[in-house]
């Protein structure tokens, strides 16, 4: 039998069952949240793995875009990507994998199937070069995407931020 705390718990459960002690189901209000901080989680040694493909974004809007790129070794989140700021009129570097962009909560994406309100993550596959443009007031238009995701539908950071919140985080006057 394995050793450690898990083994102790397993042994205690076996003992309870052997003695015929009834096991009771907890009520939802009896459950205690186990609080974790991202810094508490073990992360493997960081290294960039060679990629067979990469995506590239061009920001043709008049606003800063938050884009999803390679995991940064100093970011302690559990998300698959890290968020980066892409200034207006700029393109991400060659061989630097941009996976998509963040749509703030006060913006709208105009797509072929209609419009969607933020907050959302707009995803693009590898080998894609895509651009994001301004549409009507507070609306973005982008190249044909490979999916839009609400928070919790993809393992990317999708905060409930307005564009004004983003400017504040970037230290840019609003």
Protein backbone atom coordinates (compact mmCIF):
# COMPACT_ATOMS: atom_id res chain seq x y z
CA UNK A 1 0.00 0.00 0.00
CA UNK A 2 1.35 3.51 -0.82
CA UNK A 3 2.67 5.66 2.00
CA UNK A 4 1.82 9.26 2.90
CA UNK A 5 -1.35 11.18 3.66
CA UNK A 6 -3.33 9.55 0.83
CA UNK A 7 -2.46 6.12 2.23
CA UNK A 8 -3.55 7.25 5.72
CA UNK A 9 -6.91 8.38 4.36
CA UNK A 10 -7.34 5.15 2.40
CA UNK A 11 -6.49 3.11 5.52
CA UNK A 12 -8.99 5.14 7.61
CA UNK A 13 -11.74 4.55 5.02
CA UNK A 14 -11.02 0.82 4.93
CA UNK A 15 -11.19 0.76 8.71
CA UNK A 16 -14.54 2.61 8.70
CA UNK A 17 -16.04 0.21 6.15
CA UNK A 18 -14.68 -2.84 8.02
CA UNK A 19 -16.35 -1.69 11.25
CA UNK A 20 -19.68 -1.05 9.54
CA UNK A 21 -19.70 2.67 10.35
CA UNK A 22 -22.20 4.36 8.01
CA UNK A 23 -20.79 6.82 5.51
CA UNK A 24 -22.90 9.97 5.22
CA UNK A 25 -23.26 12.26 2.27
CA UNK A 26 -22.34 15.90 2.88
CA UNK A 27 -24.77 18.73 2.21
CA UNK A 28 -23.58 21.52 -0.12
CA UNK A 29 -23.35 24.01 2.77
CA UNK A 30 -21.02 21.61 4.63
CA UNK A 31 -18.42 21.66 1.84
CA UNK A 32 -15.41 23.87 2.56
CA UNK A 33 -13.63 25.58 -0.31
CA UNK A 34 -9.94 24.70 -0.49
CA UNK A 35 -8.31 28.00 -1.47
CA UNK A 36 -5.34 27.93 -3.83
CA UNK A 37 -3.12 30.68 -5.11
CA UNK A 38 -1.53 30.30 -8.55
CA UNK A 39 1.83 30.43 -6.78
CA UNK A 40 0.87 27.26 -4.85
CA UNK A 41 0.73 25.15 -8.00
CA UNK A 42 3.68 23.14 -9.23
CA UNK A 43 4.81 24.07 -12.69
CA UNK A 44 7.33 22.14 -14.73
CA UNK A 45 10.59 23.81 -15.64
CA UNK A 46 9.74 26.36 -18.30
CA UNK A 47 11.07 25.85 -21.79
CA UNK A 48 9.82 26.82 -25.20
CA UNK A 49 9.14 23.78 -27.33
CA UNK A 50 9.74 24.02 -31.05
CA UNK A 51 6.51 24.58 -32.92
CA UNK A 52 5.61 23.34 -36.34
CA UNK A 53 3.44 26.37 -36.93
CA UNK A 54 2.62 29.76 -35.60
CA UNK A 55 -0.06 32.38 -36.02
CA UNK A 56 0.40 36.08 -36.58
CA UNK A 57 -1.89 39.01 -35.76
CA UNK A 58 -1.95 42.50 -37.25
CA UNK A 59 -3.77 45.15 -35.23
CA UNK A 60 -5.47 47.48 -37.71
CA UNK A 61 -7.69 49.02 -35.02
CA UNK A 62 -7.16 52.37 -33.31
CA UNK A 63 -7.01 50.57 -29.94
CA UNK A 64 -4.62 48.31 -28.05
CA UNK A 65 -5.50 44.64 -28.49
CA UNK A 66 -4.91 42.03 -25.84
CA UNK A 67 -3.69 38.99 -27.71
CA UNK A 68 -3.02 35.42 -26.58
CA UNK A 69 0.54 34.28 -27.18
CA UNK A 70 3.18 31.85 -25.92
CA UNK A 71 3.17 31.04 -22.23
CA UNK A 72 5.48 33.50 -20.47
CA UNK A 73 7.89 31.89 -18.01
CA UNK A 74 7.17 34.59 -15.39
CA UNK A 75 3.38 34.41 -15.53
CA UNK A 76 2.12 32.12 -12.77
CA UNK A 77 -1.37 31.40 -14.08
CA UNK A 78 -2.57 27.93 -14.99
CA UNK A 79 -3.74 29.07 -18.42
CA UNK A 80 -2.35 27.63 -21.67
CA UNK A 81 -1.46 31.05 -23.09
CA UNK A 82 -0.29 34.40 -21.74
CA UNK A 83 -1.96 37.72 -22.56
CA UNK A 84 0.10 40.42 -24.30
CA UNK A 85 -0.69 43.97 -25.43
CA UNK A 86 -0.43 44.68 -29.18
CA UNK A 87 -0.42 48.42 -29.97
CA UNK A 88 -2.45 49.84 -32.87
CA UNK A 89 -0.78 49.44 -36.25
CA UNK A 90 1.57 46.67 -35.10
CA UNK A 91 2.05 43.00 -36.06
CA UNK A 92 3.26 40.18 -33.81
CA UNK A 93 6.80 38.88 -34.50
CA UNK A 94 7.56 36.11 -36.98
CA UNK A 95 7.73 32.60 -35.44
CA UNK A 96 5.96 33.91 -32.29
CA UNK A 97 2.69 32.00 -31.97
CA UNK A 98 -0.32 34.31 -31.60
CA UNK A 99 -3.37 32.14 -30.91
CA UNK A 100 -6.06 34.84 -30.90
CA UNK A 101 -7.27 37.96 -29.16
CA UNK A 102 -9.44 39.11 -26.26
CA UNK A 103 -12.69 40.98 -26.87
CA UNK A 104 -13.39 43.35 -23.94
CA UNK A 105 -16.80 43.32 -22.26
CA UNK A 106 -17.82 46.66 -23.81
CA UNK A 107 -16.89 45.67 -27.38
CA UNK A 108 -18.64 43.64 -30.09
CA UNK A 109 -17.17 41.31 -32.72
CA UNK A 110 -18.91 41.35 -36.08
CA UNK A 111 -18.68 37.89 -37.61
CA UNK A 112 -20.11 36.17 -40.66
CA UNK A 113 -22.79 34.60 -38.44
CA UNK A 114 -23.75 37.82 -36.66
CA UNK A 115 -22.34 39.86 -33.83
CA UNK A 116 -21.27 38.73 -30.35
CA UNK A 117 -20.66 40.80 -27.23
CA UNK A 118 -17.54 40.45 -25.06
CA UNK A 119 -15.95 39.29 -22.93
CA UNK A 120 -14.77 36.60 -25.34
CA UNK A 121 -11.63 34.95 -26.63
CA UNK A 122 -11.37 34.78 -30.42
CA UNK A 123 -9.20 31.82 -31.49
CA UNK A 124 -7.17 31.21 -34.65
CA UNK A 125 -5.31 28.04 -35.61
CA UNK A 126 -1.59 27.79 -36.29
CA UNK A 127 -0.34 28.85 -39.71
CA UNK A 128 -2.93 31.66 -39.75
CA UNK A 129 -2.12 35.29 -40.44
CA UNK A 130 -5.08 37.35 -39.27
CA UNK A 131 -5.96 40.99 -38.77
CA UNK A 132 -8.37 42.85 -36.55
CA UNK A 133 -10.04 46.08 -37.76
CA UNK A 134 -12.39 48.67 -36.34
CA UNK A 135 -16.00 48.35 -37.43
CA UNK A 136 -18.81 50.61 -36.31
CA UNK A 137 -18.67 52.20 -32.85
CA UNK A 138 -17.01 49.79 -30.37
CA UNK A 139 -17.10 46.96 -32.92
CA UNK A 140 -14.22 44.85 -34.22
CA UNK A 141 -14.04 42.90 -37.45
CA UNK A 142 -11.51 40.11 -37.91
CA UNK A 143 -10.38 37.53 -40.41
CA UNK A 144 -12.38 34.30 -40.40
CA UNK A 145 -11.76 32.87 -36.93
CA UNK A 146 -11.68 29.28 -35.73
CA UNK A 147 -13.97 29.82 -32.77
CA UNK A 148 -15.17 32.21 -30.11
CA UNK A 149 -15.12 31.25 -26.47
CA UNK A 150 -16.80 32.46 -23.31
CA UNK A 151 -14.93 32.35 -20.00
CA UNK A 152 -14.48 28.71 -18.87
CA UNK A 153 -14.92 27.31 -22.39
CA UNK A 154 -11.19 27.47 -23.11
CA UNK A 155 -8.15 27.46 -20.83
CA UNK A 156 -7.28 31.10 -21.57
CA UNK A 157 -7.63 34.16 -19.33
CA UNK A 158 -10.90 35.91 -20.23
CA UNK A 159 -11.41 38.67 -17.63
CA UNK A 160 -14.57 40.75 -17.39
CA UNK A 161 -12.66 43.90 -18.41
CA UNK A 162 -13.86 46.87 -20.40
CA UNK A 163 -11.48 48.59 -22.81
CA UNK A 164 -11.08 51.34 -20.21
CA UNK A 165 -9.95 48.68 -17.66
CA UNK A 166 -7.33 47.48 -20.16
CA UNK A 167 -5.98 51.01 -20.62
CA UNK A 168 -5.78 51.33 -16.84
CA UNK A 169 -3.79 48.07 -16.53
CA UNK A 170 -1.45 49.25 -19.29
CA UNK A 171 -0.96 52.61 -17.51
CA UNK A 172 -2.32 54.57 -20.46
CA UNK A 173 -4.45 57.68 -19.75
CA UNK A 174 -8.09 57.01 -20.48
